[in-house]
Amino acid sequence: MNTLAKIGVVALAASMAAGCATVTYSSPGSLDGISVRGVDGKIGQAVLIDTSGYYMFWTIPLVSGDLRWNDEKKSIEGGTSFFSDQVGVEELQTALLKIAETRNCDLADVNYFDGDASYAGPSYGGAVGTCFGSSHMSVSAILVPRKVVYKKGK
């Protein structure tokens, strides 16, 4: 198999294996009775936002999870975005803040995860595998419902 065909196979495999951007919540009430340092009162749900991306030469984005916010649905788009790099702290933070605002919550215990991978091993085609890499990022947090403050009318 020639080098160009190998590159095409690896790119196709990467795009098919690309994870979607996902948002996962804990079940309502599953955190009842758990205390979180810095939170005085009832906590809501845990949220995890997860995305990954695949790159050629570590700079050219091939595919990544779609973290763009949809104002109509009040959620991230999710799914896959081709030739767009949305795997970054800024994109995760923006999505997390929009989710918290939509649910009228503050954030506590925010944690980030960042991991990269190279495909230079012999099982990925040796030298061809060095042309591709992936990045995976996640953010998790506890949503804390805001206290409702009633103001007296005039």
N, C-alpha and C. Protein backbone atom coordinates (compact mmCIF):
# COMPACT_ATOMS: atom_id res chain seq x y z
N MET A 1 0.86 -1.17 0.00
CA MET A 1 0.00 0.00 0.00
C MET A 1 0.90 1.23 0.00
N ASN A 2 0.64 2.17 -0.90
CA ASN A 2 1.50 3.35 -0.96
C ASN A 2 1.21 4.30 0.20
N THR A 3 2.11 5.26 0.38
CA THR A 3 2.02 6.16 1.52
C THR A 3 0.75 7.00 1.51
N LEU A 4 0.36 7.49 0.36
CA LEU A 4 -0.85 8.31 0.27
C LEU A 4 -2.10 7.51 0.68
N ALA A 5 -2.17 6.26 0.26
CA ALA A 5 -3.30 5.41 0.63
C ALA A 5 -3.32 5.17 2.14
N LYS A 6 -2.13 4.97 2.74
CA LYS A 6 -2.05 4.76 4.19
C LYS A 6 -2.54 6.00 4.94
N ILE A 7 -2.12 7.17 4.45
CA ILE A 7 -2.56 8.41 5.10
C ILE A 7 -4.08 8.53 5.02
N GLY A 8 -4.65 8.20 3.87
CA GLY A 8 -6.10 8.24 3.71
C GLY A 8 -6.82 7.29 4.63
N VAL A 9 -6.27 6.07 4.79
CA VAL A 9 -6.88 5.08 5.68
C VAL A 9 -6.84 5.56 7.12
N VAL A 10 -5.71 6.11 7.55
CA VAL A 10 -5.59 6.60 8.92
C VAL A 10 -6.54 7.77 9.15
N ALA A 11 -6.62 8.68 8.17
CA ALA A 11 -7.53 9.83 8.32
C ALA A 11 -8.98 9.38 8.38
N LEU A 12 -9.34 8.42 7.56
CA LEU A 12 -10.71 7.90 7.58
C LEU A 12 -11.01 7.21 8.91
N ALA A 13 -10.07 6.41 9.37
CA ALA A 13 -10.27 5.71 10.65
C ALA A 13 -10.40 6.72 11.79
N ALA A 14 -9.58 7.77 11.76
CA ALA A 14 -9.65 8.79 12.81
C ALA A 14 -10.98 9.51 12.78
N SER A 15 -11.47 9.84 11.60
CA SER A 15 -12.75 10.55 11.53
C SER A 15 -13.91 9.66 11.96
N MET A 16 -13.82 8.36 11.67
CA MET A 16 -14.89 7.44 12.08
C MET A 16 -14.85 7.16 13.57
N ALA A 17 -13.64 7.18 14.14
CA ALA A 17 -13.50 6.88 15.57
C ALA A 17 -13.64 8.12 16.44
N ALA A 18 -13.77 9.28 15.82
CA ALA A 18 -13.83 10.53 16.58
C ALA A 18 -15.02 10.52 17.51
N GLY A 19 -14.74 10.84 18.76
CA GLY A 19 -15.81 10.92 19.71
C GLY A 19 -16.61 12.18 19.53
N CYS A 20 -17.84 12.12 19.83
CA CYS A 20 -18.68 13.30 19.79
C CYS A 20 -18.43 14.12 21.04
N ALA A 21 -18.78 15.36 20.99
CA ALA A 21 -18.80 16.16 22.20
C ALA A 21 -20.04 15.74 22.97
N THR A 22 -19.88 15.43 24.23
CA THR A 22 -21.02 14.97 25.01
C THR A 22 -21.11 15.73 26.32
N VAL A 23 -22.33 15.85 26.81
CA VAL A 23 -22.59 16.40 28.13
C VAL A 23 -23.35 15.34 28.90
N THR A 24 -22.84 14.98 30.07
CA THR A 24 -23.47 13.96 30.89
C THR A 24 -23.75 14.54 32.27
N TYR A 25 -24.94 14.26 32.79
CA TYR A 25 -25.34 14.74 34.11
C TYR A 25 -25.56 13.55 35.03
N SER A 26 -25.33 13.76 36.32
CA SER A 26 -25.70 12.73 37.29
C SER A 26 -27.22 12.72 37.43
N SER A 27 -27.76 11.65 37.93
CA SER A 27 -29.21 11.55 38.13
C SER A 27 -29.66 12.56 39.18
N PRO A 28 -30.82 13.18 38.98
CA PRO A 28 -31.33 14.11 39.99
C PRO A 28 -31.46 13.42 41.34
N GLY A 29 -30.95 14.07 42.36
CA GLY A 29 -31.04 13.52 43.70
C GLY A 29 -29.93 12.55 44.06
N SER A 30 -29.11 12.16 43.10
CA SER A 30 -28.06 11.18 43.40
C SER A 30 -26.96 11.74 44.29
N LEU A 31 -26.85 13.05 44.39
CA LEU A 31 -25.82 13.66 45.23
C LEU A 31 -26.38 14.13 46.57
N ASP A 32 -27.64 13.80 46.87
CA ASP A 32 -28.23 14.17 48.16
C ASP A 32 -27.40 13.58 49.29
N GLY A 33 -27.13 14.39 50.29
CA GLY A 33 -26.37 13.93 51.45
C GLY A 33 -24.86 14.04 51.27
N ILE A 34 -24.41 14.43 50.10
CA ILE A 34 -22.97 14.59 49.86
C ILE A 34 -22.62 16.06 50.06
N SER A 35 -21.53 16.30 50.77
CA SER A 35 -21.09 17.68 50.97
C SER A 35 -19.89 17.95 50.09
N VAL A 36 -19.83 19.18 49.60
CA VAL A 36 -18.73 19.62 48.75
C VAL A 36 -18.09 20.81 49.44
N ARG A 37 -16.79 20.77 49.59
CA ARG A 37 -16.07 21.85 50.27
C ARG A 37 -16.34 23.17 49.55
N GLY A 38 -16.68 24.20 50.31
CA GLY A 38 -16.95 25.52 49.75
C GLY A 38 -18.41 25.75 49.40
N VAL A 39 -19.24 24.73 49.53
CA VAL A 39 -20.67 24.87 49.21
C VAL A 39 -21.46 24.76 50.51
N ASP A 40 -22.18 25.82 50.83
CA ASP A 40 -23.01 25.78 52.03
C ASP A 40 -24.47 25.68 51.59
N GLY A 41 -24.95 24.51 51.58
CA GLY A 41 -26.32 24.28 51.15
C GLY A 41 -26.39 23.06 50.26
N LYS A 42 -27.54 22.90 49.65
CA LYS A 42 -27.80 21.73 48.82
C LYS A 42 -27.09 21.86 47.47
N ILE A 43 -26.47 20.77 47.05
CA ILE A 43 -25.87 20.74 45.73
C ILE A 43 -26.84 20.10 44.75
N GLY A 44 -26.67 20.41 43.49
CA GLY A 44 -27.58 19.89 42.46
C GLY A 44 -27.05 18.62 41.83
N GLN A 45 -26.55 18.74 40.62
CA GLN A 45 -26.07 17.60 39.86
C GLN A 45 -24.61 17.78 39.51
N ALA A 46 -23.96 16.68 39.20
CA ALA A 46 -22.63 16.72 38.62
C ALA A 46 -22.79 16.78 37.11
N VAL A 47 -21.90 17.49 36.43
CA VAL A 47 -21.93 17.58 34.98
C VAL A 47 -20.53 17.27 34.45
N LEU A 48 -20.47 16.55 33.34
CA LEU A 48 -19.22 16.22 32.67
C LEU A 48 -19.37 16.59 31.20
N ILE A 49 -18.46 17.40 30.70
CA ILE A 49 -18.41 17.75 29.28
C ILE A 49 -17.15 17.13 28.73
N ASP A 50 -17.28 16.38 27.64
CA ASP A 50 -16.19 15.58 27.12
C ASP A 50 -16.08 15.78 25.61
N THR A 51 -14.87 15.95 25.09
CA THR A 51 -14.67 16.07 23.65
C THR A 51 -13.27 15.60 23.27
N SER A 52 -13.11 15.27 22.02
CA SER A 52 -11.80 14.86 21.52
C SER A 52 -11.65 15.34 20.08
N GLY A 53 -10.40 15.39 19.63
CA GLY A 53 -10.13 15.83 18.27
C GLY A 53 -8.95 15.07 17.69
N TYR A 54 -8.90 15.00 16.37
CA TYR A 54 -7.83 14.33 15.65
C TYR A 54 -7.18 15.32 14.70
N TYR A 55 -5.84 15.26 14.62
CA TYR A 55 -5.07 16.26 13.91
C TYR A 55 -4.04 15.62 12.99
N MET A 56 -3.75 16.31 11.89
CA MET A 56 -2.64 15.91 11.03
C MET A 56 -1.48 16.84 11.36
N PHE A 57 -0.33 16.27 11.58
CA PHE A 57 0.88 17.00 11.97
C PHE A 57 0.66 17.83 13.23
N TRP A 58 -0.25 17.44 14.07
CA TRP A 58 -0.57 18.08 15.36
C TRP A 58 -1.05 19.52 15.23
N THR A 59 -1.28 20.00 14.03
CA THR A 59 -1.73 21.38 13.87
C THR A 59 -2.96 21.52 12.99
N ILE A 60 -3.16 20.61 12.07
CA ILE A 60 -4.28 20.71 11.14
C ILE A 60 -5.44 19.87 11.67
N PRO A 61 -6.52 20.52 12.13
CA PRO A 61 -7.65 19.75 12.67
C PRO A 61 -8.37 18.97 11.58
N LEU A 62 -8.62 17.71 11.84
CA LEU A 62 -9.38 16.87 10.91
C LEU A 62 -10.83 16.76 11.37
N VAL A 63 -11.01 16.45 12.64
CA VAL A 63 -12.35 16.27 13.19
C VAL A 63 -12.28 16.46 14.71
N SER A 64 -13.33 17.01 15.27
CA SER A 64 -13.41 17.14 16.73
C SER A 64 -14.87 17.14 17.15
N GLY A 65 -15.09 17.00 18.44
CA GLY A 65 -16.43 17.11 18.97
C GLY A 65 -16.91 18.54 18.83
N ASP A 66 -18.19 18.73 18.64
CA ASP A 66 -18.77 20.05 18.41
C ASP A 66 -19.26 20.64 19.73
N LEU A 67 -18.56 21.65 20.23
CA LEU A 67 -18.92 22.29 21.50
C LEU A 67 -19.64 23.63 21.33
N ARG A 68 -20.05 23.94 20.10
CA ARG A 68 -20.75 25.22 19.90
C ARG A 68 -22.09 25.20 20.62
N TRP A 69 -22.45 26.34 21.17
CA TRP A 69 -23.69 26.49 21.94
C TRP A 69 -24.85 26.79 21.00
N ASN A 70 -25.97 26.12 21.23
CA ASN A 70 -27.19 26.37 20.47
C ASN A 70 -28.15 27.11 21.38
N ASP A 71 -28.35 28.41 21.13
CA ASP A 71 -29.21 29.23 21.98
C ASP A 71 -30.67 28.77 21.96
N GLU A 72 -31.11 28.23 20.84
CA GLU A 72 -32.49 27.77 20.72
C GLU A 72 -32.76 26.55 21.60
N LYS A 73 -31.83 25.59 21.57
CA LYS A 73 -31.98 24.35 22.35
C LYS A 73 -31.45 24.49 23.77
N LYS A 74 -30.69 25.55 24.04
CA LYS A 74 -30.05 25.78 25.33
C LYS A 74 -29.13 24.61 25.70
N SER A 75 -28.33 24.18 24.71
CA SER A 75 -27.37 23.10 24.93
C SER A 75 -26.28 23.19 23.87
N ILE A 76 -25.22 22.40 24.06
CA ILE A 76 -24.19 22.37 23.04
C ILE A 76 -24.71 21.57 21.85
N GLU A 77 -24.14 21.83 20.70
CA GLU A 77 -24.56 21.12 19.49
C GLU A 77 -24.30 19.62 19.63
N GLY A 78 -23.15 19.26 20.18
CA GLY A 78 -22.78 17.85 20.27
C GLY A 78 -22.42 17.34 18.88
N GLY A 79 -22.20 16.08 18.77
CA GLY A 79 -21.87 15.52 17.47
C GLY A 79 -20.44 15.79 17.06
N THR A 80 -20.22 15.80 15.76
CA THR A 80 -18.88 15.90 15.20
C THR A 80 -18.76 17.13 14.33
N SER A 81 -17.60 17.78 14.38
CA SER A 81 -17.32 18.95 13.57
C SER A 81 -16.05 18.67 12.77
N PHE A 82 -16.14 18.73 11.44
CA PHE A 82 -15.00 18.44 10.58
C PHE A 82 -14.18 19.70 10.32
N PHE A 83 -12.85 19.55 10.32
CA PHE A 83 -11.89 20.60 10.04
C PHE A 83 -12.06 21.80 10.95
N SER A 84 -12.43 21.54 12.19
CA SER A 84 -12.60 22.58 13.20
C SER A 84 -12.01 22.06 14.51
N ASP A 85 -11.23 22.88 15.18
CA ASP A 85 -10.62 22.49 16.45
C ASP A 85 -11.41 23.10 17.59
N GLN A 86 -12.18 22.28 18.29
CA GLN A 86 -12.96 22.75 19.42
C GLN A 86 -12.54 22.05 20.71
N VAL A 87 -11.31 21.54 20.72
CA VAL A 87 -10.80 20.84 21.90
C VAL A 87 -9.86 21.79 22.62
N GLY A 88 -10.41 22.53 23.56
CA GLY A 88 -9.59 23.49 24.30
C GLY A 88 -10.28 23.92 25.58
N VAL A 89 -9.50 24.48 26.49
CA VAL A 89 -10.03 24.93 27.77
C VAL A 89 -11.08 26.02 27.57
N GLU A 90 -10.83 26.93 26.65
CA GLU A 90 -11.79 28.02 26.41
C GLU A 90 -13.14 27.48 25.96
N GLU A 91 -13.14 26.53 25.03
CA GLU A 91 -14.39 25.96 24.53
C GLU A 91 -15.13 25.19 25.62
N LEU A 92 -14.39 24.43 26.42
CA LEU A 92 -15.02 23.69 27.52
C LEU A 92 -15.58 24.64 28.58
N GLN A 93 -14.81 25.67 28.92
CA GLN A 93 -15.25 26.63 29.93
C GLN A 93 -16.50 27.38 29.48
N THR A 94 -16.53 27.78 28.22
CA THR A 94 -17.69 28.49 27.69
C THR A 94 -18.93 27.61 27.77
N ALA A 95 -18.81 26.34 27.34
CA ALA A 95 -19.95 25.42 27.40
C ALA A 95 -20.40 25.21 28.84
N LEU A 96 -19.45 25.04 29.75
CA LEU A 96 -19.79 24.82 31.16
C LEU A 96 -20.51 26.03 31.75
N LEU A 97 -20.02 27.22 31.48
CA LEU A 97 -20.67 28.43 32.00
C LEU A 97 -22.07 28.62 31.43
N LYS A 98 -22.25 28.32 30.15
CA LYS A 98 -23.58 28.45 29.54
C LYS A 98 -24.56 27.44 30.13
N ILE A 99 -24.10 26.22 30.38
CA ILE A 99 -24.95 25.20 31.00
C ILE A 99 -25.37 25.65 32.40
N ALA A 100 -24.41 26.15 33.18
CA ALA A 100 -24.71 26.61 34.54
C ALA A 100 -25.70 27.77 34.52
N GLU A 101 -25.51 28.70 33.61
CA GLU A 101 -26.42 29.84 33.51
C GLU A 101 -27.82 29.40 33.11
N THR A 102 -27.92 28.50 32.15
CA THR A 102 -29.22 28.00 31.69
C THR A 102 -29.97 27.31 32.82
N ARG A 103 -29.24 26.61 33.69
CA ARG A 103 -29.87 25.89 34.80
C ARG A 103 -29.94 26.73 36.07
N ASN A 104 -29.57 28.03 35.99
CA ASN A 104 -29.58 28.94 37.13
C ASN A 104 -28.77 28.37 38.29
N CYS A 105 -27.54 27.98 37.97
CA CYS A 105 -26.65 27.36 38.97
C CYS A 105 -25.29 28.05 38.98
N ASP A 106 -24.63 27.92 40.12
CA ASP A 106 -23.22 28.29 40.24
C ASP A 106 -22.42 26.99 40.11
N LEU A 107 -21.11 27.13 39.98
CA LEU A 107 -20.25 25.96 39.82
C LEU A 107 -19.37 25.76 41.04
N ALA A 108 -19.13 24.50 41.37
CA ALA A 108 -18.21 24.15 42.44
C ALA A 108 -17.40 22.94 42.00
N ASP A 109 -16.22 22.78 42.57
CA ASP A 109 -15.37 21.62 42.35
C ASP A 109 -15.16 21.36 40.86
N VAL A 110 -14.65 22.36 40.14
CA VAL A 110 -14.43 22.25 38.69
C VAL A 110 -13.08 21.57 38.45
N ASN A 111 -13.07 20.53 37.61
CA ASN A 111 -11.85 19.78 37.31
C ASN A 111 -11.70 19.60 35.80
N TYR A 112 -10.47 19.78 35.32
CA TYR A 112 -10.17 19.60 33.90
C TYR A 112 -9.29 18.39 33.70
N PHE A 113 -9.45 17.73 32.56
CA PHE A 113 -8.61 16.61 32.15
C PHE A 113 -8.14 16.89 30.73
N ASP A 114 -6.87 16.63 30.48
CA ASP A 114 -6.30 16.83 29.14
C ASP A 114 -5.37 15.67 28.85
N GLY A 115 -5.58 15.01 27.72
CA GLY A 115 -4.71 13.90 27.34
C GLY A 115 -4.48 13.90 25.84
N ASP A 116 -3.26 13.61 25.44
CA ASP A 116 -2.90 13.55 24.02
C ASP A 116 -2.38 12.16 23.69
N ALA A 117 -2.48 11.79 22.41
CA ALA A 117 -1.98 10.49 21.97
C ALA A 117 -1.31 10.65 20.61
N SER A 118 -0.30 9.82 20.40
CA SER A 118 0.39 9.77 19.13
C SER A 118 0.17 8.39 18.54
N TYR A 119 0.23 8.29 17.23
CA TYR A 119 -0.01 7.02 16.55
C TYR A 119 1.24 6.55 15.82
N ALA A 120 2.41 6.75 16.45
CA ALA A 120 3.68 6.43 15.81
C ALA A 120 4.07 4.96 15.93
N GLY A 121 3.30 4.17 16.64
CA GLY A 121 3.65 2.76 16.84
C GLY A 121 3.51 1.95 15.56
N PRO A 122 4.13 0.77 15.55
CA PRO A 122 4.09 -0.07 14.34
C PRO A 122 2.68 -0.55 13.98
N SER A 123 1.80 -0.65 14.94
CA SER A 123 0.45 -1.12 14.62
C SER A 123 -0.38 -0.07 13.87
N TYR A 124 0.09 1.18 13.85
CA TYR A 124 -0.63 2.24 13.14
C TYR A 124 0.03 2.60 11.81
N GLY A 125 0.96 1.83 11.36
CA GLY A 125 1.58 2.11 10.07
C GLY A 125 2.93 2.80 10.17
N GLY A 126 3.55 2.75 11.33
CA GLY A 126 4.90 3.29 11.49
C GLY A 126 4.98 4.77 11.20
N ALA A 127 5.72 5.13 10.17
CA ALA A 127 5.97 6.53 9.84
C ALA A 127 4.69 7.29 9.52
N VAL A 128 3.71 6.62 8.91
CA VAL A 128 2.45 7.29 8.58
C VAL A 128 1.74 7.70 9.87
N GLY A 129 1.82 6.85 10.88
CA GLY A 129 1.18 7.16 12.16
C GLY A 129 1.74 8.39 12.83
N THR A 130 2.98 8.74 12.54
CA THR A 130 3.57 9.94 13.15
C THR A 130 2.94 11.22 12.61
N CYS A 131 2.21 11.12 11.52
CA CYS A 131 1.57 12.30 10.93
C CYS A 131 0.27 12.67 11.64
N PHE A 132 -0.22 11.80 12.51
CA PHE A 132 -1.52 12.01 13.13
C PHE A 132 -1.41 11.96 14.65
N GLY A 133 -2.27 12.71 15.30
CA GLY A 133 -2.34 12.70 16.75
C GLY A 133 -3.75 13.02 17.19
N SER A 134 -4.01 12.82 18.46
CA SER A 134 -5.33 13.14 18.99
C SER A 134 -5.20 13.83 20.33
N SER A 135 -6.23 14.56 20.66
CA SER A 135 -6.31 15.25 21.94
C SER A 135 -7.69 15.00 22.53
N HIS A 136 -7.72 14.82 23.83
CA HIS A 136 -8.99 14.55 24.53
C HIS A 136 -9.03 15.47 25.73
N MET A 137 -10.13 16.18 25.90
CA MET A 137 -10.30 17.06 27.05
C MET A 137 -11.68 16.89 27.65
N SER A 138 -11.73 17.06 28.97
CA SER A 138 -12.99 17.00 29.70
C SER A 138 -12.98 18.04 30.80
N VAL A 139 -14.16 18.43 31.22
CA VAL A 139 -14.32 19.25 32.40
C VAL A 139 -15.50 18.69 33.18
N SER A 140 -15.33 18.60 34.49
CA SER A 140 -16.44 18.17 35.34
C SER A 140 -16.64 19.22 36.42
N ALA A 141 -17.86 19.31 36.91
CA ALA A 141 -18.18 20.30 37.93
C ALA A 141 -19.45 19.88 38.65
N ILE A 142 -19.67 20.50 39.78
CA ILE A 142 -20.91 20.33 40.54
C ILE A 142 -21.76 21.58 40.31
N LEU A 143 -23.00 21.37 39.88
CA LEU A 143 -23.94 22.48 39.71
C LEU A 143 -24.62 22.74 41.04
N VAL A 144 -24.53 23.98 41.51
CA VAL A 144 -25.13 24.37 42.79
C VAL A 144 -26.25 25.35 42.49
N PRO A 145 -27.51 24.96 42.75
CA PRO A 145 -28.63 25.86 42.47
C PRO A 145 -28.48 27.19 43.21
N ARG A 146 -28.74 28.27 42.50
CA ARG A 146 -28.66 29.59 43.11
C ARG A 146 -29.87 29.79 44.01
N LYS A 147 -29.62 30.50 45.09
CA LYS A 147 -30.72 30.81 46.01
C LYS A 147 -31.56 31.93 45.39
N VAL A 148 -32.85 31.77 45.46
CA VAL A 148 -33.77 32.76 44.92
C VAL A 148 -33.88 33.90 45.94
N VAL A 149 -33.62 35.11 45.46
CA VAL A 149 -33.70 36.28 46.32
C VAL A 149 -34.90 37.10 45.87
N TYR A 150 -35.83 37.29 46.80
CA TYR A 150 -37.03 38.06 46.49
C TYR A 150 -36.80 39.50 46.87
N LYS A 151 -37.13 40.40 45.95
CA LYS A 151 -37.00 41.83 46.21
C LYS A 151 -38.41 42.42 46.36
N LYS A 152 -38.54 43.31 47.30
CA LYS A 152 -39.82 43.97 47.50
C LYS A 152 -40.05 44.96 46.38
N GLY A 153 -41.24 44.94 45.84
CA GLY A 153 -41.61 45.89 44.78
C GLY A 153 -41.94 47.23 45.34
N LYS A 154 -41.97 48.24 44.49
CA LYS A 154 -42.30 49.60 44.95
C LYS A 154 -43.77 49.83 45.01
